[in-house]
Amino acid sequence: MALFDTSKELKSINSAFAISFELDNIQSFLDEATSKHLLPVIGEETMDALLEAKKTGLAPKSPQKKLLQLAQKAVLGFAFGEYSTFGALQIQDAGISVLSRDNFRPASDAKMLELRKQSIRSGFEALEAVITFLEAHLAEFSSYASSNERQQNRASFICSAAEFSKVCLPIHSSVFFGLKQELVKQEHDTIYPLLGQSPFQALKEAHQKSSCNDAQGRLIQQIQRVVAPFALAETICYNGLLIDASGCFQSNAGEPLSPSAENRLQTAMLHLTSKGQAELVRLQKTLKTVGNTQKQVRQTIQKSNVYFI
């Protein structure tokens, strides 16, 4: 039993597949997408439980059925994106040829490039939806709730493109997955020295367990507003990004940028750096105010104790 056992399942996720399409043609791409993208997010134990549930039969409206559909959509998006580059090719002793028939012609290079980009972006969108769904149904997926994969998914105070976009600028899911390590780095380099070891670790633990109180929640929101612009600005420097017509940051996929696109990114990078610095000053003021308040409380308690003695 696998995520996909028939061509009919492929077509249920992507209607562009012909019902006569042979599953073996794309199987290696499905396997690679599963191991590279899905398993690091949900873990092998959750994956095994999902496939076992599929084998025994899933109720149409069960959480397992919904998770299976999301996982299939994610894996097929990545797999089809990679397969699209090779699907019309035939490799023989005589060399590599492009298949063609009387009523069909291979898609143009531009069409194939756009198809590949859109498929991979859809894969990232579905992969983020997998995480969001699991977080909302921890009781039904206990293996995920206690897994190392969940800890990695929540390694940063920002856990999704949606959360990032609320506190910064809109980004696509594909950009967010590339930002995760930079977010963790910014938190360690910028926030850890401000809070100190014990408060930082306590806040991290509460966030990973989804057990933050109101004060911790407000502090995390301020931290998000600091690290998000810094991380995105740093990513613009070293990784290929572009800003689409709607103003959303997208992965660039190695395409050359026009001068106007480079200028937009340069302007965005400067804006993000300034925004991050301003939010950092606000956070420092908040922590200073809290520290002074705590100090006053301790002094009042000490004076009260002396008075009563």
Protein backbone atom coordinates (compact mmCIF):
# COMPACT_ATOMS: atom_id res chain seq x y z
CA MET A 1 0.00 0.00 0.00
CA ALA A 2 1.36 3.43 -1.04
CA LEU A 3 0.07 7.00 -1.27
CA PHE A 4 -0.93 6.22 -4.87
CA ASP A 5 -1.93 2.72 -5.94
CA THR A 6 -3.81 3.47 -9.16
CA SER A 7 -3.85 6.01 -11.96
CA LYS A 8 -7.38 6.88 -10.88
CA GLU A 9 -5.96 8.31 -7.65
CA LEU A 10 -3.59 10.49 -9.67
CA LYS A 11 -6.50 11.84 -11.71
CA SER A 12 -8.54 12.54 -8.57
CA ILE A 13 -5.80 14.96 -7.46
CA ASN A 14 -4.85 16.34 -10.89
CA SER A 15 -7.49 16.00 -13.59
CA ALA A 16 -4.89 16.62 -16.32
CA PHE A 17 -3.76 13.00 -15.98
CA ALA A 18 -5.35 10.64 -18.51
CA ILE A 19 -7.02 7.63 -16.93
CA SER A 20 -4.80 5.46 -19.15
CA PHE A 21 -1.63 7.00 -17.68
CA GLU A 22 0.60 4.29 -16.24
CA LEU A 23 1.51 4.82 -12.60
CA ASP A 24 4.95 3.26 -13.10
CA ASN A 25 5.91 6.18 -15.36
CA ILE A 26 5.91 8.59 -12.43
CA GLN A 27 6.49 6.21 -9.50
CA SER A 28 10.17 7.08 -9.00
CA PHE A 29 9.26 10.78 -8.85
CA LEU A 30 6.51 10.05 -6.31
CA ASP A 31 8.94 8.08 -4.14
CA GLU A 32 11.52 10.87 -4.25
CA ALA A 33 8.96 13.57 -3.40
CA THR A 34 7.72 11.50 -0.47
CA SER A 35 11.17 10.97 1.03
CA LYS A 36 12.43 14.48 0.31
CA HIS A 37 9.40 16.58 1.26
CA LEU A 38 6.63 14.67 3.07
CA LEU A 39 8.48 12.38 5.49
CA PRO A 40 10.61 15.17 7.02
CA VAL A 41 7.36 16.96 7.85
CA ILE A 42 5.10 14.18 9.21
CA GLY A 43 7.58 11.44 10.16
CA GLU A 44 7.71 7.78 9.24
CA GLU A 45 5.48 6.65 12.12
CA THR A 46 2.62 8.94 11.08
CA MET A 47 3.15 7.94 7.46
CA ASP A 48 2.99 4.23 8.29
CA ALA A 49 -0.17 4.72 10.33
CA LEU A 50 -1.77 6.67 7.47
CA LEU A 51 -0.97 3.97 4.90
CA GLU A 52 -2.24 1.26 7.24
CA ALA A 53 -5.48 3.18 7.69
CA LYS A 54 -5.76 3.49 3.90
CA LYS A 55 -5.28 -0.27 3.57
CA THR A 56 -8.06 -1.08 6.03
CA GLY A 57 -10.41 1.55 4.61
CA LEU A 58 -11.05 5.21 5.41
CA ALA A 59 -14.36 6.86 6.20
CA PRO A 60 -15.06 9.66 3.67
CA LYS A 61 -15.09 12.43 6.30
CA SER A 62 -12.46 11.04 8.66
CA PRO A 63 -9.36 13.11 9.58
CA GLN A 64 -7.20 10.34 8.13
CA LYS A 65 -8.97 10.64 4.77
CA LYS A 66 -8.42 14.40 4.70
CA LEU A 67 -4.76 14.03 5.65
CA LEU A 68 -4.29 11.41 2.92
CA GLN A 69 -5.72 13.76 0.31
CA LEU A 70 -3.49 16.63 1.41
CA ALA A 71 -0.43 14.38 1.47
CA GLN A 72 -1.25 13.06 -2.00
CA LYS A 73 -1.66 16.58 -3.34
CA ALA A 74 1.68 17.67 -1.89
CA VAL A 75 3.61 14.66 -3.17
CA LEU A 76 2.02 14.77 -6.63
CA GLY A 77 2.76 18.49 -6.93
CA PHE A 78 6.47 17.95 -6.34
CA ALA A 79 6.58 14.73 -8.38
CA PHE A 80 4.75 16.19 -11.37
CA GLY A 81 6.97 19.26 -11.29
CA GLU A 82 10.03 17.05 -11.69
CA TYR A 83 8.37 14.58 -14.07
CA SER A 84 7.26 17.38 -16.42
CA THR A 85 10.89 17.92 -17.44
CA PHE A 86 11.33 14.28 -18.46
CA GLY A 87 7.86 13.00 -19.24
CA ALA A 88 8.01 13.42 -23.01
CA LEU A 89 11.56 12.10 -23.31
CA GLN A 90 12.58 8.61 -24.31
CA ILE A 91 16.11 7.45 -23.55
CA GLN A 92 17.50 4.74 -25.84
CA ASP A 93 20.91 3.47 -26.98
CA ALA A 94 20.67 5.81 -29.96
CA GLY A 95 20.18 8.82 -27.73
CA ILE A 96 17.38 10.92 -26.24
CA SER A 97 14.29 11.67 -28.30
CA VAL A 98 11.04 13.58 -27.77
CA LEU A 99 7.84 11.60 -28.24
CA SER A 100 5.20 12.94 -30.58
CA ARG A 101 2.04 11.62 -32.29
CA ASP A 102 -0.26 12.75 -35.09
CA ASN A 103 -2.71 14.59 -32.85
CA PHE A 104 -0.27 15.59 -30.09
CA ARG A 105 2.87 17.68 -29.95
CA PRO A 106 5.23 18.24 -27.02
CA ALA A 107 4.45 21.37 -25.01
CA SER A 108 6.68 24.37 -25.60
CA ASP A 109 9.65 25.04 -23.32
CA ALA A 110 7.90 28.10 -21.87
CA LYS A 111 4.74 26.10 -21.18
CA MET A 112 6.73 23.33 -19.51
CA LEU A 113 8.66 25.79 -17.34
CA GLU A 114 5.47 27.44 -16.14
CA LEU A 115 3.88 24.04 -15.51
CA ARG A 116 6.88 22.92 -13.47
CA LYS A 117 6.90 26.09 -11.36
CA GLN A 118 3.17 25.95 -10.70
CA SER A 119 3.27 22.25 -9.77
CA ILE A 120 6.08 22.72 -7.26
CA ARG A 121 4.38 25.77 -5.76
CA SER A 122 1.20 23.73 -5.39
CA GLY A 123 3.28 21.05 -3.67
CA PHE A 124 4.54 23.53 -1.10
CA GLU A 125 1.04 24.93 -0.53
CA ALA A 126 -0.30 21.44 0.11
CA LEU A 127 2.67 20.56 2.33
CA GLU A 128 1.95 23.57 4.53
CA ALA A 129 -1.70 22.55 4.59
CA VAL A 130 -0.60 19.10 5.84
CA ILE A 131 1.19 20.70 8.79
CA THR A 132 -1.71 23.04 9.56
CA PHE A 133 -4.17 20.15 9.49
CA LEU A 134 -2.02 17.99 11.77
CA GLU A 135 -1.64 20.84 14.26
CA ALA A 136 -5.43 21.21 14.35
CA HIS A 137 -5.94 17.45 14.92
CA LEU A 138 -3.18 16.46 17.33
CA ALA A 139 -5.55 14.24 19.30
CA GLU A 140 -6.21 12.10 16.21
CA PHE A 141 -2.53 11.91 15.24
CA SER A 142 -0.72 11.24 18.52
CA SER A 143 2.37 9.89 16.76
CA TYR A 144 2.85 13.27 15.13
CA ALA A 145 2.08 15.20 18.32
CA SER A 146 5.05 13.65 20.13
CA SER A 147 7.40 13.42 17.13
CA ASN A 148 10.72 15.09 16.42
CA GLU A 149 9.23 16.21 13.11
CA ARG A 150 6.67 18.36 14.93
CA GLN A 151 9.42 19.93 17.02
CA GLN A 152 11.27 20.77 13.81
CA ASN A 153 8.10 22.19 12.24
CA ARG A 154 7.77 24.45 15.29
CA ALA A 155 11.48 25.22 15.68
CA SER A 156 10.77 28.87 14.90
CA PHE A 157 8.25 31.21 16.52
CA ILE A 158 6.76 31.54 13.00
CA CYS A 159 5.37 28.25 11.72
CA SER A 160 3.70 29.04 8.40
CA ALA A 161 3.61 31.42 5.47
CA ALA A 162 0.26 32.66 6.75
CA GLU A 163 1.77 33.57 10.15
CA PHE A 164 4.73 35.22 8.44
CA SER A 165 2.50 37.28 6.14
CA LYS A 166 0.49 38.60 9.11
CA VAL A 167 3.54 40.19 10.73
CA CYS A 168 5.56 41.12 7.65
CA LEU A 169 5.02 41.02 3.88
CA PRO A 170 3.07 38.35 1.96
CA ILE A 171 5.16 35.34 0.95
CA HIS A 172 4.36 32.08 -0.79
CA SER A 173 4.64 28.74 1.00
CA SER A 174 7.66 27.82 -1.14
CA VAL A 175 9.49 30.89 0.18
CA PHE A 176 8.58 30.11 3.77
CA PHE A 177 10.10 26.63 3.67
CA GLY A 178 13.32 28.25 2.46
CA LEU A 179 13.14 30.80 5.29
CA LYS A 180 12.75 28.40 8.21
CA GLN A 181 16.45 27.98 9.00
CA GLU A 182 17.06 31.71 8.66
CA LEU A 183 14.20 32.43 11.09
CA VAL A 184 15.74 30.11 13.68
CA LYS A 185 19.12 31.78 13.15
CA GLN A 186 17.65 35.27 13.59
CA GLU A 187 15.91 34.21 16.80
CA HIS A 188 19.13 32.79 18.21
CA ASP A 189 21.27 35.75 17.15
CA THR A 190 18.84 38.57 17.96
CA ILE A 191 16.25 37.42 20.51
CA TYR A 192 18.26 34.97 22.63
CA PRO A 193 20.73 37.66 23.86
CA LEU A 194 17.81 39.93 24.80
CA LEU A 195 15.83 37.38 26.79
CA GLY A 196 18.62 35.27 28.25
CA GLN A 197 18.88 31.49 28.26
CA SER A 198 16.18 30.48 30.74
CA PRO A 199 13.40 32.86 29.56
CA PHE A 200 14.17 32.07 25.92
CA GLN A 201 14.03 28.31 26.46
CA ALA A 202 10.86 28.58 28.55
CA LEU A 203 9.18 30.61 25.81
CA LYS A 204 10.33 28.12 23.17
CA GLU A 205 8.98 25.20 25.15
CA ALA A 206 5.61 26.85 25.69
CA HIS A 207 5.36 27.68 21.99
CA GLN A 208 6.27 24.15 20.86
CA LYS A 209 3.67 22.70 23.21
CA SER A 210 1.06 25.31 22.14
CA SER A 211 0.63 26.21 25.81
CA CYS A 212 1.48 29.94 25.81
CA ASN A 213 -0.34 32.23 28.22
CA ASP A 214 -1.54 35.68 27.13
CA ALA A 215 1.67 37.46 28.09
CA GLN A 216 3.82 34.89 26.27
CA GLY A 217 1.57 35.13 23.23
CA ARG A 218 1.98 38.92 23.07
CA LEU A 219 5.75 38.60 23.45
CA ILE A 220 5.93 36.03 20.65
CA GLN A 221 4.00 38.38 18.36
CA GLN A 222 6.57 41.10 19.02
CA ILE A 223 9.40 38.64 18.37
CA GLN A 224 7.76 37.60 15.10
CA ARG A 225 7.65 41.23 13.95
CA VAL A 226 11.39 41.48 14.59
CA VAL A 227 12.72 38.27 13.06
CA ALA A 228 10.41 38.10 10.01
CA PRO A 229 11.73 41.19 8.17
CA PHE A 230 15.33 40.43 9.12
CA ALA A 231 15.05 36.85 7.82
CA LEU A 232 13.39 37.88 4.55
CA ALA A 233 15.95 40.64 3.94
CA GLU A 234 18.77 38.16 4.51
CA THR A 235 17.17 35.67 2.12
CA ILE A 236 16.86 38.31 -0.59
CA CYS A 237 20.63 38.81 -0.36
CA TYR A 238 21.58 35.18 -0.91
CA ASN A 239 18.65 33.36 -2.54
CA GLY A 240 16.65 33.86 -5.68
CA LEU A 241 13.32 35.56 -4.97
CA LEU A 242 10.95 37.64 -7.00
CA ILE A 243 7.92 39.81 -6.25
CA ASP A 244 4.87 38.92 -8.34
CA ALA A 245 2.20 41.29 -9.62
CA SER A 246 0.21 41.00 -6.38
CA GLY A 247 3.24 41.97 -4.26
CA CYS A 248 3.78 38.44 -2.91
CA PHE A 249 7.31 37.05 -2.64
CA GLN A 250 7.81 33.92 -4.77
CA SER A 251 10.70 31.52 -5.33
CA ASN A 252 12.64 32.50 -8.43
CA ALA A 253 13.64 29.02 -9.70
CA GLY A 254 16.86 30.33 -11.25
CA GLU A 255 15.34 32.72 -13.77
CA PRO A 256 17.33 35.89 -14.58
CA LEU A 257 15.82 39.03 -13.10
CA SER A 258 15.12 42.18 -15.06
CA PRO A 259 16.68 45.45 -13.84
CA SER A 260 13.28 46.63 -12.60
CA ALA A 261 12.77 43.39 -10.65
CA GLU A 262 16.22 43.75 -9.07
CA ASN A 263 15.40 47.34 -8.08
CA ARG A 264 12.14 46.21 -6.45
CA LEU A 265 14.01 43.58 -4.43
CA GLN A 266 16.70 46.07 -3.42
CA THR A 267 14.07 48.54 -2.24
CA ALA A 268 12.22 45.77 -0.39
CA MET A 269 15.42 44.62 1.32
CA LEU A 270 16.15 48.14 2.62
CA HIS A 271 12.56 48.52 3.80
CA LEU A 272 12.65 45.16 5.58
CA THR A 273 15.91 45.95 7.35
CA SER A 274 14.55 49.29 8.59
CA LYS A 275 11.30 47.64 9.68
CA GLY A 276 13.18 44.95 11.59
CA GLN A 277 15.36 47.50 13.37
CA ALA A 278 12.33 49.57 14.37
CA GLU A 279 10.53 46.50 15.72
CA LEU A 280 13.68 45.49 17.60
CA VAL A 281 13.76 48.87 19.36
CA ARG A 282 10.09 48.43 20.34
CA LEU A 283 10.83 44.97 21.72
CA GLN A 284 13.78 46.28 23.72
CA LYS A 285 11.57 49.00 25.23
CA THR A 286 8.92 46.43 26.11
CA LEU A 287 11.43 44.16 27.82
CA LYS A 288 12.93 47.11 29.69
CA THR A 289 9.49 48.18 30.91
CA VAL A 290 8.67 44.65 32.02
CA GLY A 291 12.04 44.37 33.76
CA ASN A 292 11.52 47.63 35.62
CA THR A 293 8.02 46.57 36.67
CA GLN A 294 9.29 43.25 37.99
CA LYS A 295 12.06 45.04 39.86
CA GLN A 296 9.56 47.42 41.46
CA VAL A 297 7.39 44.48 42.52
CA ARG A 298 10.36 42.74 44.15
CA GLN A 299 11.36 45.94 45.94
CA THR A 300 7.80 46.47 47.19
CA ILE A 301 7.67 42.91 48.51
CA GLN A 302 11.01 43.37 50.26
CA LYS A 303 9.87 46.65 51.86
CA SER A 304 6.61 45.08 52.94
CA ASN A 305 8.47 42.23 54.58
CA VAL A 306 10.72 44.62 56.45
CA TYR A 307 7.77 46.70 57.62
CA PHE A 308 5.86 43.71 58.97
CA ILE A 309 8.96 42.37 60.70
